[in-house]
Amino acid sequence: MSQPHTESHNNHGSHGSLKSYIIGFALSIILTIIPLVVVMNHMLGKTGTLVLILVMAVLQFGVQLFFFMHVKEGENARWNIMALLFGLVILVTIVAGSIWIMTYNTVAH
């Protein structure tokens, strides 16, 4: 027959406290409502609105990483941050390369 199950799943990383989850949730809501109010009330021009949305998206990304995904916690925090930075380098390379190709690779006939 098969061997008895002896593995346990108690080696998960630590979870955040209720306070950190509430702070992260509140920041997420605030960072979502600010661009919504600006867009709905036409408070800024097109460029200002776009910049605000992008800044709020980056801040939202940071809140999600640090309050909910606990990137800086645990024994692998350094590797997590290095992997994140590597992913950002790849993302910037792809986006910048795509913009460059779309801008300068057009041939006029």
PDB file of N, CA and C in Angstrom:
ATOM      1  N   MET A   1       0.825  -1.177   0.000  1.00  0.00           N
ATOM      2  CA  MET A   1       0.000   0.000   0.000  1.00  0.00           C
ATOM      3  C   MET A   1       0.877   1.251   0.000  1.00  0.00           C
ATOM      4  N   SER A   2       0.245   2.386   0.075  1.00  0.00           N
ATOM      5  CA  SER A   2       0.988   3.639   0.035  1.00  0.00           C
ATOM      6  C   SER A   2       1.481   4.020   1.428  1.00  0.00           C
ATOM      7  N   GLN A   3       2.477   4.865   1.431  1.00  0.00           N
ATOM      8  CA  GLN A   3       3.055   5.335   2.682  1.00  0.00           C
ATOM      9  C   GLN A   3       2.123   6.355   3.343  1.00  0.00           C
ATOM     10  N   PRO A   4       2.121   6.413   4.677  1.00  0.00           N
ATOM     11  CA  PRO A   4       1.282   7.407   5.354  1.00  0.00           C
ATOM     12  C   PRO A   4       1.797   8.824   5.081  1.00  0.00           C
ATOM     13  N   HIS A   5       0.888   9.764   5.079  1.00  0.00           N
ATOM     14  CA  HIS A   5       1.203  11.171   4.825  1.00  0.00           C
ATOM     15  C   HIS A   5       1.861  11.767   6.059  1.00  0.00           C
ATOM     16  N   THR A   6       3.121  12.224   5.916  1.00  0.00           N
ATOM     17  CA  THR A   6       3.828  12.767   7.073  1.00  0.00           C
ATOM     18  C   THR A   6       4.230  14.217   6.899  1.00  0.00           C
ATOM     19  N   GLU A   7       3.970  14.812   5.742  1.00  0.00           N
ATOM     20  CA  GLU A   7       4.360  16.206   5.525  1.00  0.00           C
ATOM     21  C   GLU A   7       3.330  17.144   6.122  1.00  0.00           C
ATOM     22  N   SER A   8       3.822  18.237   6.675  1.00  0.00           N
ATOM     23  CA  SER A   8       2.899  19.256   7.180  1.00  0.00           C
ATOM     24  C   SER A   8       3.105  20.537   6.375  1.00  0.00           C
ATOM     25  N   HIS A   9       2.137  21.366   6.405  1.00  0.00           N
ATOM     26  CA  HIS A   9       2.196  22.618   5.654  1.00  0.00           C
ATOM     27  C   HIS A   9       2.304  23.802   6.598  1.00  0.00           C
ATOM     28  N   ASN A  10       3.048  23.642   7.656  1.00  0.00           N
ATOM     29  CA  ASN A  10       3.184  24.705   8.647  1.00  0.00           C
ATOM     30  C   ASN A  10       4.335  25.643   8.349  1.00  0.00           C
ATOM     31  N   ASN A  11       5.027  25.468   7.250  1.00  0.00           N
ATOM     32  CA  ASN A  11       6.196  26.289   6.965  1.00  0.00           C
ATOM     33  C   ASN A  11       5.864  27.468   6.057  1.00  0.00           C
ATOM     34  N   HIS A  12       4.630  27.945   6.105  1.00  0.00           N
ATOM     35  CA  HIS A  12       4.261  29.123   5.326  1.00  0.00           C
ATOM     36  C   HIS A  12       4.901  30.356   5.943  1.00  0.00           C
ATOM     37  N   GLY A  13       5.067  31.396   5.113  1.00  0.00           N
ATOM     38  CA  GLY A  13       5.603  32.645   5.609  1.00  0.00           C
ATOM     39  C   GLY A  13       4.615  33.323   6.539  1.00  0.00           C
ATOM     40  N   SER A  14       5.110  34.267   7.292  1.00  0.00           N
ATOM     41  CA  SER A  14       4.244  34.956   8.227  1.00  0.00           C
ATOM     42  C   SER A  14       3.258  35.849   7.480  1.00  0.00           C
ATOM     43  N   HIS A  15       2.098  35.978   8.050  1.00  0.00           N
ATOM     44  CA  HIS A  15       1.086  36.843   7.478  1.00  0.00           C
ATOM     45  C   HIS A  15       1.147  38.187   8.179  1.00  0.00           C
ATOM     46  N   GLY A  16       0.626  39.197   7.521  1.00  0.00           N
ATOM     47  CA  GLY A  16       0.628  40.523   8.110  1.00  0.00           C
ATOM     48  C   GLY A  16      -0.398  40.636   9.224  1.00  0.00           C
ATOM     49  N   SER A  17      -0.282  41.690   9.969  1.00  0.00           N
ATOM     50  CA  SER A  17      -1.232  41.925  11.045  1.00  0.00           C
ATOM     51  C   SER A  17      -2.512  42.543  10.478  1.00  0.00           C
ATOM     52  N   LEU A  18      -3.538  42.527  11.261  1.00  0.00           N
ATOM     53  CA  LEU A  18      -4.804  43.120  10.849  1.00  0.00           C
ATOM     54  C   LEU A  18      -4.621  44.613  10.592  1.00  0.00           C
ATOM     55  N   LYS A  19      -3.790  45.253  11.402  1.00  0.00           N
ATOM     56  CA  LYS A  19      -3.532  46.683  11.235  1.00  0.00           C
ATOM     57  C   LYS A  19      -2.900  46.970   9.872  1.00  0.00           C
ATOM     58  N   SER A  20      -1.920  46.162   9.453  1.00  0.00           N
ATOM     59  CA  SER A  20      -1.279  46.405   8.157  1.00  0.00           C
ATOM     60  C   SER A  20      -2.246  46.157   7.009  1.00  0.00           C
ATOM     61  N   TYR A  21      -3.139  45.172   7.155  1.00  0.00           N
ATOM     62  CA  TYR A  21      -4.133  44.932   6.111  1.00  0.00           C
ATOM     63  C   TYR A  21      -5.134  46.084   6.017  1.00  0.00           C
ATOM     64  N   ILE A  22      -5.537  46.614   7.147  1.00  0.00           N
ATOM     65  CA  ILE A  22      -6.483  47.729   7.138  1.00  0.00           C
ATOM     66  C   ILE A  22      -5.834  48.972   6.548  1.00  0.00           C
ATOM     67  N   ILE A  23      -4.584  49.237   6.908  1.00  0.00           N
ATOM     68  CA  ILE A  23      -3.868  50.379   6.337  1.00  0.00           C
ATOM     69  C   ILE A  23      -3.715  50.205   4.830  1.00  0.00           C
ATOM     70  N   GLY A  24      -3.327  49.019   4.396  1.00  0.00           N
ATOM     71  CA  GLY A  24      -3.185  48.757   2.964  1.00  0.00           C
ATOM     72  C   GLY A  24      -4.496  48.902   2.223  1.00  0.00           C
ATOM     73  N   PHE A  25      -5.582  48.406   2.815  1.00  0.00           N
ATOM     74  CA  PHE A  25      -6.900  48.522   2.195  1.00  0.00           C
ATOM     75  C   PHE A  25      -7.323  49.984   2.079  1.00  0.00           C
ATOM     76  N   ALA A  26      -7.120  50.749   3.156  1.00  0.00           N
ATOM     77  CA  ALA A  26      -7.483  52.170   3.137  1.00  0.00           C
ATOM     78  C   ALA A  26      -6.673  52.930   2.091  1.00  0.00           C
ATOM     79  N   LEU A  27      -5.374  52.663   2.022  1.00  0.00           N
ATOM     80  CA  LEU A  27      -4.536  53.321   1.009  1.00  0.00           C
ATOM     81  C   LEU A  27      -4.974  52.928  -0.401  1.00  0.00           C
ATOM     82  N   SER A  28      -5.334  51.682  -0.601  1.00  0.00           N
ATOM     83  CA  SER A  28      -5.795  51.235  -1.916  1.00  0.00           C
ATOM     84  C   SER A  28      -7.068  51.962  -2.328  1.00  0.00           C
ATOM     85  N   ILE A  29      -7.994  52.098  -1.385  1.00  0.00           N
ATOM     86  CA  ILE A  29      -9.241  52.812  -1.678  1.00  0.00           C
ATOM     87  C   ILE A  29      -8.959  54.274  -2.004  1.00  0.00           C
ATOM     88  N   ILE A  30      -8.117  54.918  -1.204  1.00  0.00           N
ATOM     89  CA  ILE A  30      -7.792  56.328  -1.431  1.00  0.00           C
ATOM     90  C   ILE A  30      -7.110  56.511  -2.782  1.00  0.00           C
ATOM     91  N   LEU A  31      -6.147  55.628  -3.089  1.00  0.00           N
ATOM     92  CA  LEU A  31      -5.422  55.743  -4.355  1.00  0.00           C
ATOM     93  C   LEU A  31      -6.300  55.405  -5.559  1.00  0.00           C
ATOM     94  N   THR A  32      -7.424  54.780  -5.339  1.00  0.00           N
ATOM     95  CA  THR A  32      -8.369  54.512  -6.414  1.00  0.00           C
ATOM     96  C   THR A  32      -9.367  55.659  -6.558  1.00  0.00           C
ATOM     97  N   ILE A  33      -9.797  56.232  -5.442  1.00  0.00           N
ATOM     98  CA  ILE A  33     -10.811  57.286  -5.476  1.00  0.00           C
ATOM     99  C   ILE A  33     -10.251  58.599  -6.021  1.00  0.00           C
ATOM    100  N   ILE A  34      -8.998  58.919  -5.709  1.00  0.00           N
ATOM    101  CA  ILE A  34      -8.418  60.185  -6.167  1.00  0.00           C
ATOM    102  C   ILE A  34      -8.490  60.324  -7.689  1.00  0.00           C
ATOM    103  N   PRO A  35      -7.978  59.376  -8.481  1.00  0.00           N
ATOM    104  CA  PRO A  35      -8.091  59.541  -9.931  1.00  0.00           C
ATOM    105  C   PRO A  35      -9.547  59.522 -10.408  1.00  0.00           C
ATOM    106  N   LEU A  36     -10.391  58.740  -9.755  1.00  0.00           N
ATOM    107  CA  LEU A  36     -11.800  58.683 -10.139  1.00  0.00           C
ATOM    108  C   LEU A  36     -12.456  60.056 -10.001  1.00  0.00           C
ATOM    109  N   VAL A  37     -12.227  60.722  -8.876  1.00  0.00           N
ATOM    110  CA  VAL A  37     -12.813  62.041  -8.648  1.00  0.00           C
ATOM    111  C   VAL A  37     -12.264  63.052  -9.654  1.00  0.00           C
ATOM    112  N   VAL A  38     -10.969  62.989  -9.912  1.00  0.00           N
ATOM    113  CA  VAL A  38     -10.357  63.926 -10.863  1.00  0.00           C
ATOM    114  C   VAL A  38     -10.935  63.728 -12.267  1.00  0.00           C
ATOM    115  N   VAL A  39     -11.102  62.489 -12.685  1.00  0.00           N
ATOM    116  CA  VAL A  39     -11.643  62.210 -14.021  1.00  0.00           C
ATOM    117  C   VAL A  39     -13.120  62.587 -14.105  1.00  0.00           C
ATOM    118  N   MET A  40     -13.895  62.212 -13.105  1.00  0.00           N
ATOM    119  CA  MET A  40     -15.334  62.472 -13.142  1.00  0.00           C
ATOM    120  C   MET A  40     -15.656  63.968 -13.120  1.00  0.00           C
ATOM    121  N   ASN A  41     -14.842  64.766 -12.445  1.00  0.00           N
ATOM    122  CA  ASN A  41     -15.098  66.202 -12.314  1.00  0.00           C
ATOM    123  C   ASN A  41     -14.260  67.051 -13.271  1.00  0.00           C
ATOM    124  N   HIS A  42     -13.497  66.429 -14.147  1.00  0.00           N
ATOM    125  CA  HIS A  42     -12.661  67.138 -15.129  1.00  0.00           C
ATOM    126  C   HIS A  42     -11.800  68.215 -14.448  1.00  0.00           C
ATOM    127  N   MET A  43     -11.102  67.826 -13.394  1.00  0.00           N
ATOM    128  CA  MET A  43     -10.311  68.768 -12.609  1.00  0.00           C
ATOM    129  C   MET A  43      -8.992  69.137 -13.273  1.00  0.00           C
ATOM    130  N   LEU A  44      -8.444  68.269 -14.099  1.00  0.00           N
ATOM    131  CA  LEU A  44      -7.173  68.519 -14.762  1.00  0.00           C
ATOM    132  C   LEU A  44      -7.354  68.346 -16.265  1.00  0.00           C
ATOM    133  N   GLY A  45      -6.369  68.843 -17.010  1.00  0.00           N
ATOM    134  CA  GLY A  45      -6.377  68.618 -18.449  1.00  0.00           C
ATOM    135  C   GLY A  45      -6.020  67.165 -18.754  1.00  0.00           C
ATOM    136  N   LYS A  46      -5.953  66.858 -20.042  1.00  0.00           N
ATOM    137  CA  LYS A  46      -5.677  65.468 -20.439  1.00  0.00           C
ATOM    138  C   LYS A  46      -4.321  64.990 -19.948  1.00  0.00           C
ATOM    139  N   THR A  47      -3.296  65.820 -20.112  1.00  0.00           N
ATOM    140  CA  THR A  47      -1.947  65.417 -19.705  1.00  0.00           C
ATOM    141  C   THR A  47      -1.857  65.270 -18.184  1.00  0.00           C
ATOM    142  N   GLY A  48      -2.402  66.237 -17.459  1.00  0.00           N
ATOM    143  CA  GLY A  48      -2.379  66.168 -15.999  1.00  0.00           C
ATOM    144  C   GLY A  48      -3.126  64.961 -15.465  1.00  0.00           C
ATOM    145  N   THR A  49      -4.275  64.658 -16.087  1.00  0.00           N
ATOM    146  CA  THR A  49      -5.059  63.494 -15.670  1.00  0.00           C
ATOM    147  C   THR A  49      -4.283  62.208 -15.922  1.00  0.00           C
ATOM    148  N   LEU A  50      -3.659  62.115 -17.084  1.00  0.00           N
ATOM    149  CA  LEU A  50      -2.883  60.918 -17.404  1.00  0.00           C
ATOM    150  C   LEU A  50      -1.716  60.740 -16.436  1.00  0.00           C
ATOM    151  N   VAL A  51      -1.008  61.824 -16.147  1.00  0.00           N
ATOM    152  CA  VAL A  51       0.116  61.749 -15.203  1.00  0.00           C
ATOM    153  C   VAL A  51      -0.384  61.339 -13.815  1.00  0.00           C
ATOM    154  N   LEU A  52      -1.494  61.923 -13.384  1.00  0.00           N
ATOM    155  CA  LEU A  52      -2.044  61.562 -12.073  1.00  0.00           C
ATOM    156  C   LEU A  52      -2.433  60.092 -12.016  1.00  0.00           C
ATOM    157  N   ILE A  53      -3.081  59.602 -13.060  1.00  0.00           N
ATOM    158  CA  ILE A  53      -3.480  58.184 -13.081  1.00  0.00           C
ATOM    159  C   ILE A  53      -2.254  57.280 -13.038  1.00  0.00           C
ATOM    160  N   LEU A  54      -1.219  57.618 -13.793  1.00  0.00           N
ATOM    161  CA  LEU A  54      -0.003  56.796 -13.791  1.00  0.00           C
ATOM    162  C   LEU A  54       0.692  56.817 -12.433  1.00  0.00           C
ATOM    163  N   VAL A  55       0.772  57.982 -11.808  1.00  0.00           N
ATOM    164  CA  VAL A  55       1.405  58.082 -10.489  1.00  0.00           C
ATOM    165  C   VAL A  55       0.610  57.280  -9.456  1.00  0.00           C
ATOM    166  N   MET A  56      -0.699  57.418  -9.490  1.00  0.00           N
ATOM    167  CA  MET A  56      -1.535  56.663  -8.546  1.00  0.00           C
ATOM    168  C   MET A  56      -1.433  55.158  -8.795  1.00  0.00           C
ATOM    169  N   ALA A  57      -1.285  54.756 -10.058  1.00  0.00           N
ATOM    170  CA  ALA A  57      -1.131  53.327 -10.371  1.00  0.00           C
ATOM    171  C   ALA A  57       0.180  52.789  -9.810  1.00  0.00           C
ATOM    172  N   VAL A  58       1.243  53.559  -9.935  1.00  0.00           N
ATOM    173  CA  VAL A  58       2.534  53.127  -9.392  1.00  0.00           C
ATOM    174  C   VAL A  58       2.472  53.042  -7.864  1.00  0.00           C
ATOM    175  N   LEU A  59       1.850  54.026  -7.240  1.00  0.00           N
ATOM    176  CA  LEU A  59       1.695  53.982  -5.787  1.00  0.00           C
ATOM    177  C   LEU A  59       0.823  52.802  -5.359  1.00  0.00           C
ATOM    178  N   GLN A  60      -0.226  52.548  -6.113  1.00  0.00           N
ATOM    179  CA  GLN A  60      -1.109  51.406  -5.829  1.00  0.00           C
ATOM    180  C   GLN A  60      -0.324  50.087  -5.936  1.00  0.00           C
ATOM    181  N   PHE A  61       0.535  50.002  -6.950  1.00  0.00           N
ATOM    182  CA  PHE A  61       1.390  48.829  -7.124  1.00  0.00           C
ATOM    183  C   PHE A  61       2.272  48.624  -5.892  1.00  0.00           C
ATOM    184  N   GLY A  62       2.861  49.701  -5.404  1.00  0.00           N
ATOM    185  CA  GLY A  62       3.705  49.612  -4.207  1.00  0.00           C
ATOM    186  C   GLY A  62       2.919  49.192  -2.979  1.00  0.00           C
ATOM    187  N   VAL A  63       1.738  49.752  -2.803  1.00  0.00           N
ATOM    188  CA  VAL A  63       0.892  49.378  -1.667  1.00  0.00           C
ATOM    189  C   VAL A  63       0.559  47.890  -1.734  1.00  0.00           C
ATOM    190  N   GLN A  64       0.186  47.416  -2.905  1.00  0.00           N
ATOM    191  CA  GLN A  64      -0.161  45.998  -3.051  1.00  0.00           C
ATOM    192  C   GLN A  64       1.035  45.110  -2.710  1.00  0.00           C
ATOM    193  N   LEU A  65       2.213  45.489  -3.188  1.00  0.00           N
ATOM    194  CA  LEU A  65       3.403  44.673  -2.937  1.00  0.00           C
ATOM    195  C   LEU A  65       3.768  44.619  -1.460  1.00  0.00           C
ATOM    196  N   PHE A  66       3.784  45.751  -0.801  1.00  0.00           N
ATOM    197  CA  PHE A  66       4.316  45.794   0.547  1.00  0.00           C
ATOM    198  C   PHE A  66       3.281  45.491   1.631  1.00  0.00           C
ATOM    199  N   PHE A  67       2.021  45.833   1.406  1.00  0.00           N
ATOM    200  CA  PHE A  67       1.023  45.578   2.448  1.00  0.00           C
ATOM    201  C   PHE A  67       0.346  44.223   2.295  1.00  0.00           C
ATOM    202  N   PHE A  68       0.177  43.741   1.064  1.00  0.00           N
ATOM    203  CA  PHE A  68      -0.560  42.501   0.868  1.00  0.00           C
ATOM    204  C   PHE A  68       0.330  41.325   0.466  1.00  0.00           C
ATOM    205  N   MET A  69       1.352  41.574  -0.334  1.00  0.00           N
ATOM    206  CA  MET A  69       2.209  40.469  -0.783  1.00  0.00           C
ATOM    207  C   MET A  69       3.455  40.323   0.088  1.00  0.00           C
ATOM    208  N   HIS A  70       3.689  41.250   0.985  1.00  0.00           N
ATOM    209  CA  HIS A  70       4.773  41.181   1.974  1.00  0.00           C
ATOM    210  C   HIS A  70       6.138  40.935   1.322  1.00  0.00           C
ATOM    211  N   VAL A  71       6.455  41.760   0.343  1.00  0.00           N
ATOM    212  CA  VAL A  71       7.702  41.587  -0.408  1.00  0.00           C
ATOM    213  C   VAL A  71       8.926  41.769   0.487  1.00  0.00           C
ATOM    214  N   LYS A  72       8.877  42.670   1.442  1.00  0.00           N
ATOM    215  CA  LYS A  72      10.049  42.942   2.268  1.00  0.00           C
ATOM    216  C   LYS A  72      10.125  42.075   3.522  1.00  0.00           C
ATOM    217  N   GLU A  73       9.199  41.133   3.689  1.00  0.00           N
ATOM    218  CA  GLU A  73       9.211  40.296   4.876  1.00  0.00           C
ATOM    219  C   GLU A  73       9.782  38.920   4.568  1.00  0.00           C
ATOM    220  N   GLY A  74      10.269  38.266   5.562  1.00  0.00           N
ATOM    221  CA  GLY A  74      10.719  36.887   5.423  1.00  0.00           C
ATOM    222  C   GLY A  74      12.189  36.789   5.085  1.00  0.00           C
ATOM    223  N   GLU A  75      12.614  35.543   4.937  1.00  0.00           N
ATOM    224  CA  GLU A  75      14.034  35.282   4.707  1.00  0.00           C
ATOM    225  C   GLU A  75      14.453  35.533   3.261  1.00  0.00           C
ATOM    226  N   ASN A  76      13.518  35.555   2.339  1.00  0.00           N
ATOM    227  CA  ASN A  76      13.837  35.764   0.919  1.00  0.00           C
ATOM    228  C   ASN A  76      13.521  37.170   0.457  1.00  0.00           C
ATOM    229  N   ALA A  77      13.484  38.136   1.362  1.00  0.00           N
ATOM    230  CA  ALA A  77      13.104  39.498   0.998  1.00  0.00           C
ATOM    231  C   ALA A  77      14.054  40.091  -0.039  1.00  0.00           C
ATOM    232  N   ARG A  78      15.331  39.839   0.116  1.00  0.00           N
ATOM    233  CA  ARG A  78      16.316  40.391  -0.818  1.00  0.00           C
ATOM    234  C   ARG A  78      16.107  39.815  -2.214  1.00  0.00           C
ATOM    235  N   TRP A  79      15.855  38.507  -2.301  1.00  0.00           N
ATOM    236  CA  TRP A  79      15.629  37.879  -3.600  1.00  0.00           C
ATOM    237  C   TRP A  79      14.322  38.340  -4.222  1.00  0.00           C
ATOM    238  N   ASN A  80      13.312  38.565  -3.388  1.00  0.00           N
ATOM    239  CA  ASN A  80      12.043  39.065  -3.905  1.00  0.00           C
ATOM    240  C   ASN A  80      12.205  40.435  -4.538  1.00  0.00           C
ATOM    241  N   ILE A  81      12.941  41.305  -3.869  1.00  0.00           N
ATOM    242  CA  ILE A  81      13.153  42.654  -4.396  1.00  0.00           C
ATOM    243  C   ILE A  81      14.013  42.603  -5.652  1.00  0.00           C
ATOM    244  N   MET A  82      15.019  41.748  -5.666  1.00  0.00           N
ATOM    245  CA  MET A  82      15.858  41.630  -6.866  1.00  0.00           C
ATOM    246  C   MET A  82      15.045  41.092  -8.047  1.00  0.00           C
ATOM    247  N   ALA A  83      14.189  40.127  -7.809  1.00  0.00           N
ATOM    248  CA  ALA A  83      13.328  39.593  -8.871  1.00  0.00           C
ATOM    249  C   ALA A  83      12.355  40.662  -9.368  1.00  0.00           C
ATOM    250  N   LEU A  84      11.834  41.452  -8.453  1.00  0.00           N
ATOM    251  CA  LEU A  84      10.937  42.543  -8.829  1.00  0.00           C
ATOM    252  C   LEU A  84      11.667  43.577  -9.680  1.00  0.00           C
ATOM    253  N   LEU A  85      12.843  43.955  -9.276  1.00  0.00           N
ATOM    254  CA  LEU A  85      13.626  44.926 -10.053  1.00  0.00           C
ATOM    255  C   LEU A  85      13.984  44.368 -11.428  1.00  0.00           C
ATOM    256  N   PHE A  86      14.334  43.099 -11.492  1.00  0.00           N
ATOM    257  CA  PHE A  86      14.627  42.489 -12.794  1.00  0.00           C
ATOM    258  C   PHE A  86      13.393  42.515 -13.692  1.00  0.00           C
ATOM    259  N   GLY A  87      12.240  42.200 -13.130  1.00  0.00           N
ATOM    260  CA  GLY A  87      10.997  42.260 -13.895  1.00  0.00           C
ATOM    261  C   GLY A  87      10.703  43.668 -14.388  1.00  0.00           C
ATOM    262  N   LEU A  88      10.976  44.676 -13.543  1.00  0.00           N
ATOM    263  CA  LEU A  88      10.773  46.060 -13.968  1.00  0.00           C
ATOM    264  C   LEU A  88      11.724  46.461 -15.083  1.00  0.00           C
ATOM    265  N   VAL A  89      12.969  45.983 -15.030  1.00  0.00           N
ATOM    266  CA  VAL A  89      13.922  46.261 -16.111  1.00  0.00           C
ATOM    267  C   VAL A  89      13.427  45.651 -17.418  1.00  0.00           C
ATOM    268  N   ILE A  90      12.944  44.433 -17.367  1.00  0.00           N
ATOM    269  CA  ILE A  90      12.407  43.780 -18.563  1.00  0.00           C
ATOM    270  C   ILE A  90      11.192  44.560 -19.089  1.00  0.00           C
ATOM    271  N   LEU A  91      10.303  44.972 -18.195  1.00  0.00           N
ATOM    272  CA  LEU A  91       9.119  45.728 -18.587  1.00  0.00           C
ATOM    273  C   LEU A  91       9.495  47.042 -19.259  1.00  0.00           C
ATOM    274  N   VAL A  92      10.401  47.798 -18.652  1.00  0.00           N
ATOM    275  CA  VAL A  92      10.828  49.082 -19.227  1.00  0.00           C
ATOM    276  C   VAL A  92      11.503  48.860 -20.577  1.00  0.00           C
ATOM    277  N   THR A  93      12.315  47.817 -20.701  1.00  0.00           N
ATOM    278  CA  THR A  93      12.977  47.521 -21.970  1.00  0.00           C
ATOM    279  C   THR A  93      11.959  47.227 -23.065  1.00  0.00           C
ATOM    280  N   ILE A  94      10.965  46.422 -22.756  1.00  0.00           N
ATOM    281  CA  ILE A  94       9.961  46.074 -23.758  1.00  0.00           C
ATOM    282  C   ILE A  94       9.131  47.293 -24.153  1.00  0.00           C
ATOM    283  N   VAL A  95       8.691  48.067 -23.176  1.00  0.00           N
ATOM    284  CA  VAL A  95       7.869  49.241 -23.474  1.00  0.00           C
ATOM    285  C   VAL A  95       8.672  50.282 -24.239  1.00  0.00           C
ATOM    286  N   ALA A  96       9.889  50.592 -23.777  1.00  0.00           N
ATOM    287  CA  ALA A  96      10.709  51.589 -24.465  1.00  0.00           C
ATOM    288  C   ALA A  96      11.071  51.123 -25.878  1.00  0.00           C
ATOM    289  N   GLY A  97      11.407  49.852 -26.030  1.00  0.00           N
ATOM    290  CA  GLY A  97      11.713  49.329 -27.361  1.00  0.00           C
ATOM    291  C   GLY A  97      10.520  49.383 -28.293  1.00  0.00           C
ATOM    292  N   SER A  98       9.351  49.068 -27.776  1.00  0.00           N
ATOM    293  CA  SER A  98       8.135  49.128 -28.594  1.00  0.00           C
ATOM    294  C   SER A  98       7.832  50.555 -29.029  1.00  0.00           C
ATOM    295  N   ILE A  99       7.966  51.492 -28.098  1.00  0.00           N
ATOM    296  CA  ILE A  99       7.722  52.900 -28.449  1.00  0.00           C
ATOM    297  C   ILE A  99       8.733  53.376 -29.479  1.00  0.00           C
ATOM    298  N   TRP A 100       9.993  52.986 -29.307  1.00  0.00           N
ATOM    299  CA  TRP A 100      11.030  53.393 -30.244  1.00  0.00           C
ATOM    300  C   TRP A 100      10.740  52.837 -31.641  1.00  0.00           C
ATOM    301  N   ILE A 101      10.405  51.571 -31.708  1.00  0.00           N
ATOM    302  CA  ILE A 101      10.113  50.946 -32.998  1.00  0.00           C
ATOM    303  C   ILE A 101       8.895  51.604 -33.645  1.00  0.00           C
ATOM    304  N   MET A 102       7.851  51.850 -32.880  1.00  0.00           N
ATOM    305  CA  MET A 102       6.652  52.464 -33.448  1.00  0.00           C
ATOM    306  C   MET A 102       6.908  53.896 -33.904  1.00  0.00           C
ATOM    307  N   THR A 103       7.833  54.589 -33.244  1.00  0.00           N
ATOM    308  CA  THR A 103       8.111  55.981 -33.597  1.00  0.00           C
ATOM    309  C   THR A 103       9.062  56.102 -34.779  1.00  0.00           C
ATOM    310  N   TYR A 104      10.150  55.350 -34.786  1.00  0.00           N
ATOM    311  CA  TYR A 104      11.207  55.556 -35.764  1.00  0.00           C
ATOM    312  C   TYR A 104      11.255  54.513 -36.880  1.00  0.00           C
ATOM    313  N   ASN A 105      10.408  53.530 -36.857  1.00  0.00           N
ATOM    314  CA  ASN A 105      10.470  52.496 -37.881  1.00  0.00           C
ATOM    315  C   ASN A 105       9.353  52.647 -38.905  1.00  0.00           C
ATOM    316  N   THR A 106       8.785  53.827 -38.978  1.00  0.00           N
ATOM    317  CA  THR A 106       7.777  54.062 -40.002  1.00  0.00           C
ATOM    318  C   THR A 106       8.447  54.564 -41.261  1.00  0.00           C
ATOM    319  N   VAL A 107       8.117  53.957 -42.364  1.00  0.00           N
ATOM    320  CA  VAL A 107       8.719  54.328 -43.645  1.00  0.00           C
ATOM    321  C   VAL A 107       7.661  55.042 -44.468  1.00  0.00           C
ATOM    322  N   ALA A 108       7.972  56.271 -44.853  1.00  0.00           N
ATOM    323  CA  ALA A 108       7.033  57.031 -45.686  1.00  0.00           C
ATOM    324  C   ALA A 108       7.169  56.579 -47.131  1.00  0.00           C
ATOM    325  N   HIS A 109       6.030  56.364 -47.768  1.00  0.00           N
ATOM    326  CA  HIS A 109       6.054  55.935 -49.169  1.00  0.00           C
ATOM    327  C   HIS A 109       5.767  57.085 -50.062  1.00  0.00           C
TER     328      HIS A 109
END
